[in-house]
Protein backbone atom coordinates (compact mmCIF):
# COMPACT_ATOMS: atom_id res chain seq x y z
CA MET A 1 -2.97 169.68 322.03
CA VAL A 2 -4.25 170.58 318.53
CA ILE A 3 -7.28 172.40 319.98
CA THR A 4 -5.08 174.35 322.38
CA THR A 5 -2.75 175.40 319.56
CA LEU A 6 -5.68 176.41 317.37
CA ALA A 7 -7.25 178.46 320.16
CA ASP A 8 -3.93 180.11 320.89
CA ASN A 9 -3.50 181.07 317.23
CA ILE A 10 -7.03 182.50 317.05
CA THR A 11 -6.42 184.53 320.20
CA ARG A 12 -3.17 185.89 318.83
CA GLY A 13 -4.97 186.73 315.60
CA PHE A 14 -7.55 188.88 317.39
CA GLU A 15 -4.80 190.54 319.44
CA ASN A 16 -2.90 191.37 316.27
CA ILE A 17 -6.03 192.83 314.66
CA GLY A 18 -6.60 195.07 317.68
CA ASP A 19 -3.00 196.21 317.72
CA THR A 20 -3.00 196.88 313.98
CA VAL A 21 -6.17 198.99 314.06
CA SER A 22 -4.91 200.98 317.05
CA GLU A 23 -1.52 201.60 315.44
CA THR A 24 -2.99 202.54 312.08
CA PHE A 25 -5.59 205.07 313.21
CA PHE A 26 -4.16 206.48 316.45
CA GLU A 27 -0.46 206.34 317.35
CA PRO A 28 1.63 204.58 314.70
CA VAL A 29 4.21 202.03 315.83
CA ILE A 30 7.33 201.15 313.87
CA ARG A 31 8.85 197.82 314.96
CA LEU A 32 12.50 197.94 313.94
CA GLY A 33 14.43 194.70 314.17
CA VAL A 34 18.17 195.08 314.75
CA THR A 35 20.35 192.06 314.24
CA GLY A 36 23.77 191.07 313.00
CA LEU A 37 26.25 188.30 313.38
CA SER A 38 28.80 188.27 316.17
CA ARG A 39 30.94 191.42 316.54
CA ALA A 40 28.85 193.40 314.04
CA GLY A 41 28.04 196.12 316.61
CA LYS A 42 24.32 195.74 317.36
CA THR A 43 24.49 197.21 320.86
CA VAL A 44 26.50 200.23 319.74
CA PHE A 45 24.15 200.80 316.79
CA ILE A 46 21.04 200.91 318.97
CA THR A 47 22.68 203.08 321.62
CA SER A 48 23.97 205.60 319.09
CA LEU A 49 20.72 205.62 317.10
CA VAL A 50 18.61 206.38 320.17
CA ALA A 51 21.07 209.02 321.42
CA ASN A 52 21.09 210.71 318.01
CA LEU A 53 17.30 210.65 317.77
CA MET A 54 17.04 212.31 321.16
CA ASP A 55 19.75 214.91 320.34
CA ARG A 56 19.50 215.36 316.59
CA GLY A 57 22.34 217.77 315.82
CA ARG A 58 24.23 215.13 313.81
CA MET A 59 21.24 213.81 311.81
CA PRO A 60 20.97 216.08 308.73
CA ALA A 61 20.04 213.25 306.34
CA LEU A 62 17.00 212.33 308.47
CA LEU A 63 14.57 214.78 306.87
CA ALA A 64 12.15 214.97 309.78
CA ALA A 65 15.09 216.10 311.95
CA SER A 66 16.71 218.52 309.50
CA GLU A 67 13.33 220.11 308.75
CA GLY A 68 12.71 220.59 312.46
CA ARG A 69 9.54 218.50 312.48
CA ILE A 70 10.60 216.30 315.44
CA SER A 71 9.73 218.44 318.43
CA ALA A 72 10.54 215.88 321.15
CA ALA A 73 11.90 212.37 321.65
CA PHE A 74 11.56 210.46 324.89
CA LEU A 75 11.86 206.93 326.21
CA GLN A 76 8.76 205.12 327.41
CA PRO A 77 8.05 201.74 328.99
CA GLN A 78 8.20 199.02 326.36
CA PRO A 79 4.96 197.28 325.38
CA ASP A 80 6.21 193.71 325.98
CA ASP A 81 6.44 193.03 329.71
CA THR A 82 8.03 189.60 329.22
CA VAL A 83 11.02 190.88 327.20
CA SER A 84 14.14 192.35 328.78
CA ARG A 85 14.56 196.10 328.36
CA PHE A 86 17.54 197.19 326.28
CA ASP A 87 19.86 198.78 328.84
CA TYR A 88 20.32 202.04 326.94
CA GLU A 89 21.48 204.15 329.87
CA THR A 90 24.25 201.73 330.92
CA HIS A 91 25.49 201.31 327.35
CA LEU A 92 25.52 205.06 326.73
CA ALA A 93 27.42 205.63 329.97
CA ALA A 94 30.06 203.13 328.85
CA LEU A 95 30.56 204.95 325.55
CA THR A 96 30.58 208.48 326.96
CA SER A 97 32.55 208.01 330.19
CA PRO A 98 35.98 209.67 330.66
CA ASP A 99 37.46 206.20 330.07
CA PRO A 100 35.13 204.97 327.30
CA ARG A 101 34.68 201.28 326.58
CA TRP A 102 32.58 199.19 324.24
CA PRO A 103 29.39 197.89 325.90
CA ASP A 104 28.68 194.20 326.32
CA SER A 105 27.39 192.44 323.21
CA THR A 106 23.89 191.11 322.61
CA ARG A 107 23.28 187.70 324.18
CA ALA A 108 19.48 187.60 324.30
CA ILE A 109 16.46 189.43 322.94
CA SER A 110 15.70 192.89 324.32
CA GLU A 111 13.46 195.82 323.44
CA LEU A 112 13.26 199.59 323.82
CA ARG A 113 10.50 202.09 322.97
CA LEU A 114 11.40 205.59 321.83
CA SER A 115 8.47 207.92 321.22
CA LEU A 116 8.77 210.86 318.81
CA ARG A 117 6.51 213.91 318.60
CA VAL A 118 6.41 214.72 314.90
CA ARG A 119 4.70 217.48 312.93
CA PRO A 120 3.37 216.34 309.53
CA SER A 121 4.81 217.67 306.28
CA GLY A 122 3.26 218.78 302.99
CA LEU A 123 -0.40 219.69 302.63
CA LEU A 124 -1.34 218.26 306.02
CA SER A 125 1.14 220.40 307.95
CA GLY A 126 -1.31 223.27 308.43
CA LEU A 127 -4.36 221.12 309.06
CA THR A 128 -3.25 218.76 311.81
CA GLY A 129 -1.09 219.07 314.88
CA PRO A 130 1.86 216.96 315.97
CA ARG A 131 1.35 213.24 316.41
CA THR A 132 3.23 210.61 318.39
CA VAL A 133 5.10 207.90 316.53
CA HIS A 134 6.44 205.03 318.63
CA LEU A 135 9.68 203.33 317.59
CA ASP A 136 9.95 199.87 319.14
CA ILE A 137 13.53 198.62 318.67
CA VAL A 138 13.85 194.85 318.95
CA ASP A 139 17.44 193.68 319.48
CA TYR A 140 18.20 190.00 318.91
CA PRO A 141 21.34 187.97 318.10
CA GLY A 142 21.95 187.26 314.44
CA GLU A 143 22.79 183.68 315.34
CA TRP A 144 19.13 183.20 316.21
CA LEU A 145 18.07 184.57 312.84
CA LEU A 146 19.97 181.83 311.02
CA ASP A 147 17.98 179.25 312.98
CA LEU A 148 14.78 180.28 311.19
CA GLY A 149 16.10 178.45 308.13
CA LEU A 150 15.91 175.23 310.14
CA MET A 151 12.12 175.40 310.21
CA ASP A 152 12.00 174.12 306.62
CA LYS A 153 14.57 171.35 307.13
CA ASP A 154 14.35 167.92 308.72
CA TYR A 155 17.18 166.37 310.69
CA ALA A 156 18.49 164.28 307.79
CA GLU A 157 18.65 167.27 305.44
CA TRP A 158 20.32 169.49 308.06
CA SER A 159 22.86 166.79 308.98
CA ARG A 160 23.76 166.20 305.35
CA MET A 161 24.25 169.93 304.74
CA VAL A 162 26.39 170.42 307.86
CA MET A 163 28.53 167.33 307.38
CA THR A 164 29.28 168.37 303.80
CA SER A 165 30.33 171.86 304.86
CA LEU A 166 32.53 170.50 307.67
CA GLU A 167 34.54 168.37 305.24
CA ARG A 168 36.45 171.48 304.14
CA ARG A 169 37.35 172.66 307.64
CA GLU A 170 40.41 171.47 309.54
CA GLU A 171 38.98 172.54 312.89
CA ALA A 172 36.12 170.04 312.40
CA SER A 173 38.33 166.94 312.19
CA ALA A 174 37.85 165.87 315.83
CA PHE A 175 34.08 166.13 315.62
CA LEU A 176 33.88 164.37 312.22
CA GLU A 177 35.93 161.47 313.57
CA GLY A 178 33.57 161.07 316.52
CA ALA A 179 30.39 161.42 314.41
CA ARG A 180 31.54 158.88 311.84
CA GLY A 181 32.64 156.46 314.52
CA ALA A 182 29.23 156.47 316.22
CA ASP A 183 26.83 153.60 315.46
CA PRO A 184 23.53 155.25 314.44
CA ASP A 185 21.48 152.16 315.35
CA ALA A 186 23.10 151.34 318.68
CA ALA A 187 21.53 152.08 322.03
CA TRP A 188 22.71 155.45 323.27
CA GLU A 189 23.75 156.88 326.60
CA GLU A 190 23.64 160.51 327.66
CA PRO A 191 27.43 160.92 328.07
CA GLN A 192 27.92 159.84 324.44
CA ILE A 193 25.43 162.42 323.12
CA LYS A 194 26.82 165.07 325.40
CA ALA A 195 30.37 164.44 324.14
CA LEU A 196 29.28 164.68 320.50
CA ALA A 197 27.31 167.86 321.19
CA GLU A 198 30.27 169.44 322.99
CA ARG A 199 32.64 168.63 320.13
CA TYR A 200 30.19 170.05 317.63
CA THR A 201 29.78 173.21 319.74
CA GLU A 202 33.56 173.59 319.87
CA THR A 203 33.59 173.31 316.08
CA LEU A 204 31.00 176.10 315.80
CA HIS A 205 33.05 178.36 318.06
CA ALA A 206 36.19 177.63 316.04
CA GLY A 207 34.33 178.49 312.86
CA ARG A 208 33.19 181.79 314.31
CA ASP A 209 36.74 182.60 315.41
CA ALA A 210 37.86 181.89 311.83
CA GLY A 211 35.41 184.50 310.52
CA LEU A 212 32.68 182.14 309.30
CA SER A 213 29.04 183.18 309.50
CA GLY A 214 26.60 180.38 308.60
CA LEU A 215 26.73 178.45 311.88
CA THR A 216 23.69 176.56 313.13
CA PRO A 217 22.09 175.97 315.55
CA GLY A 218 22.67 179.54 316.73
CA ARG A 219 21.70 178.85 320.34
CA PHE A 220 24.70 176.53 320.64
CA LEU A 221 26.81 179.69 320.48
CA LEU A 222 24.52 181.68 322.80
CA PRO A 223 22.68 179.09 324.94
CA GLY A 224 21.62 181.38 327.80
CA ASP A 225 19.62 179.64 330.52
CA MET A 226 18.96 176.62 328.29
CA ALA A 227 22.58 175.44 328.37
CA GLY A 228 22.75 171.71 328.97
CA SER A 229 19.11 171.01 328.14
CA PRO A 230 18.33 168.10 325.76
CA ALA A 231 17.04 170.58 323.17
CA LEU A 232 20.58 172.02 323.02
CA THR A 233 22.37 168.67 323.25
CA PHE A 234 22.49 167.08 319.81
CA ALA A 235 24.74 167.02 316.75
CA PRO A 236 24.63 166.08 313.07
CA LEU A 237 25.36 162.49 312.07
CA PRO A 238 26.16 160.82 308.74
CA PRO A 239 23.12 159.61 306.73
CA ALA A 240 21.41 156.45 307.92
CA ALA A 241 19.25 154.46 305.48
CA ARG A 242 16.81 152.91 307.99
CA PRO A 243 17.81 154.07 311.48
CA ALA A 244 16.64 151.94 314.38
CA ARG A 245 13.69 153.32 316.29
CA ARG A 246 15.48 153.64 319.63
CA GLY A 247 18.99 154.15 318.30
CA LEU A 248 21.32 157.14 318.48
CA TRP A 249 20.29 158.63 315.14
CA ARG A 250 16.59 158.72 316.09
CA GLU A 251 17.38 160.33 319.44
CA MET A 252 19.41 163.06 317.72
CA GLU A 253 16.49 163.59 315.33
CA ARG A 254 14.05 163.85 318.25
CA ARG A 255 16.18 166.52 319.96
CA PHE A 256 16.63 168.45 316.71
CA ASN A 257 12.85 168.55 316.31
CA ALA A 258 12.47 169.67 319.93
CA TYR A 259 14.92 172.51 319.25
CA LYS A 260 12.78 173.72 316.36
CA ARG A 261 9.53 173.31 318.26
CA GLU A 262 10.51 174.72 321.65
CA ILE A 263 13.09 177.36 320.71
CA VAL A 264 12.92 178.42 317.06
CA THR A 265 9.14 178.47 316.59
CA PRO A 266 8.36 180.60 319.70
CA PHE A 267 11.00 183.16 318.66
CA PHE A 268 9.47 183.44 315.19
CA ARG A 269 5.89 183.59 316.49
CA ASP A 270 6.36 185.99 319.40
CA HIS A 271 9.02 188.37 318.08
CA PHE A 272 10.34 187.97 314.57
CA SER A 273 6.97 187.77 312.79
CA ARG A 274 5.96 191.17 314.25
CA ILE A 275 8.85 193.16 312.74
CA ASP A 276 8.10 195.49 309.83
CA ARG A 277 11.51 197.19 309.36
CA GLN A 278 14.85 195.44 309.67
CA ILE A 279 18.56 196.28 309.68
CA VAL A 280 21.13 193.51 309.38
CA LEU A 281 24.59 194.63 310.53
CA VAL A 282 27.52 192.91 308.85
CA ASP A 283 31.22 192.93 309.74
CA ALA A 284 32.27 192.74 306.09
CA LEU A 285 35.75 194.07 306.85
CA GLY A 286 36.28 191.28 309.36
CA ALA A 287 35.30 188.69 306.76
CA ILE A 288 37.64 190.23 304.17
CA HIS A 289 40.46 190.19 306.69
CA ALA A 290 39.74 186.52 307.48
CA GLY A 291 40.12 185.55 303.82
CA PRO A 292 38.22 184.22 300.78
CA ARG A 293 36.56 181.34 302.62
CA ALA A 294 34.99 183.74 305.14
CA VAL A 295 33.74 186.02 302.35
CA ALA A 296 32.17 183.11 300.47
CA ASP A 297 30.51 181.93 303.67
CA LEU A 298 29.22 185.45 304.37
CA GLN A 299 27.65 185.69 300.91
CA THR A 300 25.80 182.41 301.43
CA THR A 301 24.73 183.53 304.89
CA MET A 302 23.27 186.79 303.57
CA THR A 303 21.08 184.83 301.17
CA ASP A 304 19.96 182.51 303.97
CA VAL A 305 19.25 185.47 306.25
CA LEU A 306 16.88 187.07 303.77
CA ALA A 307 15.10 183.78 303.21
CA ALA A 308 13.97 184.01 306.85
CA PHE A 309 12.06 187.25 306.21
CA ARG A 310 8.62 187.63 304.71
CA PRO A 311 9.30 190.70 302.58
CA GLY A 312 6.47 192.78 301.20
CA THR A 313 4.27 195.82 301.81
CA ASN A 314 2.29 196.27 305.03
CA ALA A 315 -1.04 197.34 303.60
CA LEU A 316 -3.75 197.51 306.25
CA LEU A 317 -5.81 194.52 305.05
CA SER A 318 -2.76 192.29 304.55
CA ARG A 319 -1.58 193.14 308.08
CA LEU A 320 -5.01 192.33 309.52
CA PHE A 321 -5.39 188.94 307.91
CA LEU A 322 -1.92 187.75 306.91
CA GLY A 323 0.31 189.25 309.61
CA ARG A 324 3.13 191.75 309.26
CA ARG A 325 5.57 191.70 306.39
CA VAL A 326 8.98 193.32 306.40
CA GLU A 327 8.69 196.45 304.28
CA LYS A 328 12.31 197.61 304.33
CA ILE A 329 15.56 195.74 304.91
CA LEU A 330 18.92 197.47 305.22
CA PHE A 331 22.15 195.48 305.04
CA ALA A 332 24.82 197.68 306.60
CA ALA A 333 28.56 197.04 306.56
CA THR A 334 29.77 198.34 309.92
CA LYS A 335 33.11 199.78 311.06
CA ALA A 336 33.38 202.15 308.10
CA ASP A 337 35.54 204.33 310.37
CA HIS A 338 38.29 201.70 309.95
CA LEU A 339 38.69 202.98 306.39
CA HIS A 340 39.47 206.40 304.93
CA HIS A 341 36.32 207.95 303.45
CA THR A 342 37.75 207.55 299.93
CA GLN A 343 37.25 203.79 300.29
CA HIS A 344 33.71 203.90 301.65
CA PRO A 345 32.09 203.63 298.17
CA ARG A 346 34.08 200.46 297.56
CA LEU A 347 32.97 198.96 300.88
CA THR A 348 29.37 199.79 300.00
CA ALA A 349 29.78 198.17 296.57
CA ILE A 350 31.14 195.01 298.21
CA MET A 351 28.19 194.96 300.60
CA GLU A 352 25.73 195.32 297.73
CA ALA A 353 27.46 192.55 295.79
CA LEU A 354 27.32 190.22 298.80
CA ILE A 355 23.55 190.66 299.06
CA ARG A 356 22.76 190.78 295.34
CA GLU A 357 20.98 187.43 295.16
CA ALA A 358 19.19 188.01 298.46
CA ARG A 359 18.23 191.54 297.44
CA ASP A 360 16.75 190.44 294.12
CA ARG A 361 14.44 188.06 295.96
CA ALA A 362 13.26 190.73 298.37
CA ASP A 363 12.71 193.33 295.65
CA PHE A 364 10.65 190.82 293.70
CA ALA A 365 8.45 190.23 296.76
CA GLY A 366 7.78 193.96 297.19
CA ALA A 367 10.20 194.91 299.94
CA GLU A 368 12.61 197.82 299.61
CA THR A 369 16.20 196.85 300.30
CA ALA A 370 19.50 198.71 300.39
CA GLY A 371 23.18 198.19 301.12
CA MET A 372 25.22 200.78 302.98
CA SER A 373 28.48 201.28 304.87
CA ILE A 374 28.21 202.93 308.28
CA ALA A 375 29.91 203.47 311.59
CA SER A 376 27.45 203.73 314.46
CA LEU A 377 30.09 205.43 316.60
CA ARG A 378 33.13 206.98 314.98
CA ALA A 379 36.27 205.84 316.83
CA THR A 380 38.95 207.18 314.46
CA VAL A 381 40.11 210.31 312.65
CA GLU A 382 41.55 210.44 309.16
CA GLU A 383 45.06 211.44 308.20
CA THR A 384 47.44 211.18 305.24
CA ARG A 385 50.98 209.83 305.61
CA GLU A 386 54.00 209.38 303.35
CA HIS A 387 55.51 205.89 303.29
CA GLN A 388 58.25 204.69 300.93
CA GLY A 389 57.39 207.34 298.39
CA ARG A 390 53.65 206.64 298.52
CA THR A 391 50.89 208.80 299.94
CA LEU A 392 48.64 206.64 302.13
CA ASP A 393 45.16 207.54 303.34
CA CYS A 394 45.05 206.26 306.92
CA VAL A 395 42.84 206.28 309.99
CA ARG A 396 44.16 206.84 313.49
CA GLY A 397 42.68 205.79 316.81
CA THR A 398 43.33 204.28 320.23
CA LEU A 399 44.19 200.59 320.13
CA LEU A 400 41.83 198.51 322.22
CA GLU A 401 44.48 196.19 323.68
CA THR A 402 47.27 198.65 324.51
CA GLY A 403 45.54 202.03 324.79
CA GLN A 404 48.18 203.50 322.48
CA GLN A 405 47.47 205.77 319.53
CA ALA A 406 48.17 204.12 316.15
CA ALA A 407 47.63 204.89 312.46
CA LEU A 408 46.27 202.16 310.19
CA TYR A 409 46.48 201.73 306.46
CA PRO A 410 44.27 198.66 305.97
CA GLY A 411 45.07 198.13 302.31
CA GLU A 412 43.11 199.26 299.29
CA LEU A 413 39.81 197.56 298.58
CA PRO A 414 39.36 196.60 294.91
CA GLU A 415 37.45 198.88 292.56
CA THR A 416 35.18 196.03 291.48
CA PRO A 417 33.66 193.70 294.12
CA GLN A 418 33.98 190.72 291.79
CA THR A 419 37.73 190.77 292.38
CA LEU A 420 37.00 189.64 295.95
CA LEU A 421 33.94 187.52 295.27
CA GLY A 422 35.59 185.67 292.38
CA ALA A 423 38.47 184.59 294.61
CA ALA A 424 36.03 183.58 297.32
CA GLN A 425 33.79 181.55 295.00
CA THR A 426 36.70 179.64 293.46
CA GLY A 427 37.80 178.40 296.88
CA ARG A 428 41.12 180.20 297.25
CA GLU A 429 42.76 179.94 300.64
CA SER A 430 44.13 183.51 300.60
CA TRP A 431 44.09 186.71 298.60
CA LEU A 432 46.76 186.47 295.92
CA ASP A 433 47.47 190.13 295.26
CA ALA A 434 46.74 191.94 298.52
CA GLU A 435 46.35 191.65 302.26
CA TYR A 436 43.70 193.49 304.19
CA GLU A 437 44.50 194.48 307.74
CA ILE A 438 42.24 195.57 310.57
CA MET A 439 42.87 196.80 314.09
CA LYS A 440 40.59 196.84 317.08
CA PHE A 441 40.06 200.41 318.18
CA ALA A 442 38.66 201.58 321.51
CA PRO A 443 35.92 204.22 321.47
CA ALA A 444 37.28 207.76 321.42
CA ARG A 445 36.61 210.21 324.23
CA LEU A 446 33.57 212.30 323.41
CA GLY A 447 33.08 216.00 324.04
CA LEU A 448 29.46 216.43 323.02
CA LYS A 449 27.90 219.86 322.61
CA PRO A 450 24.28 220.43 323.72
CA GLY A 451 21.91 218.94 321.17
CA GLU A 452 24.53 216.64 319.63
CA GLY A 453 24.51 212.88 319.69
CA PRO A 454 27.63 210.71 319.35
CA PRO A 455 29.64 211.10 316.11
CA HIS A 456 28.91 208.53 313.43
CA ILE A 457 29.16 207.81 309.71
CA ARG A 458 25.88 207.71 307.75
CA LEU A 459 23.75 206.69 310.72
CA ASP A 460 21.36 209.48 309.68
CA ARG A 461 21.06 208.01 306.19
CA ALA A 462 20.32 204.60 307.64
CA ALA A 463 17.60 206.14 309.85
CA GLN A 464 16.10 207.98 306.85
CA PHE A 465 15.89 204.76 304.85
CA LEU A 466 14.38 202.76 307.70
CA LEU A 467 12.09 205.35 309.30
CA GLY A 468 11.87 208.47 307.15
CA ASP A 469 8.65 207.62 305.28
CA ARG A 470 6.83 207.01 308.59
CA LEU A 471 7.93 210.35 310.09
């Protein structure tokens, strides 16, 4: 077993060296990881990004596009034959049809390769011709990203952390009662473990519905074809001083370790460790709407998310011998079109405050990080309305549930992010001085001119940060 693992690692090492040399000296490859927690808009982001890179009329902040140096962009077969292809054409058709709808959300890992023909800039522009730069977009659920933090925890530590966090949640009462009532040393039967796992999974779903973010194991929320397997059938238990060898506690520990070994480690080895640029999409407005507890949980989650990365600079020698490191990480607050543009700077400031601790760690390690507010696909228009003697900056769009047009004034975000974060960190149950509303809008009908991609907010700036230096 050890020899097989060692041989496998050596083989992968030589494969990585070959890939790195080829990418460095011939056709560069940018591996962009796209992730985000549930409802953050990963699928829409990728679809709109690719469409706007192929038709670049709405990408002025992407310098290679505005300077006319991208002569062509085309889709090619992806390099990983064992990974599902991101279904770009189907998703784009859903967004641009006469009756537009949001595409299905990410439920598994997928990949897409977009190749760009780019003319160099500066002194080299007259000496060399266009070159091909491949953009490999790797789409994976944010819930899986949180699982990478489990690699450094044992079952006892994870159980203690989860049980402590569940104490403050009403929706966890049924699970906590069952977990505390279980004898950790008693002989176990499969129906007992299955019942505990199902109650814990229900608790995770309830937490997600309440706007919480730090929910592990992530595959319990998106099990895929592994649903019902022993590796996805376990739950945290209260601490046990000296658990019996064949008792319930030890069996839960065994399954937790199997989850890390068979699910988390292969994802890190085969996909995550090969990413060199990353965007993390965040539904910050949804967390604000859910209340202080959701905002506090989101801030902790952002720190945990960054801990999963290996930030730094991808110099050639370090890539050859140490593997890839994430050079740039963008944390993007999505759904900026739910706010009037006058509030966008405040949303960006809140995003930057949420990631402050995580960002400081990445900057120290040599990675470049940024916070931004974006809308991958603009679904609203702005308007100003008079209400009870006040002038309100609103957004108007088509409601997702009814199909009716409606104007929304979501409330005014605070000038200083600490107004929100302070309430969240002190454990308040609700905002004392304001309420923040959100609506679910359907995508607007698009009338695209030749050469134009779908309308967006700051998608071009996000692309410039993530890709501009390599184009």
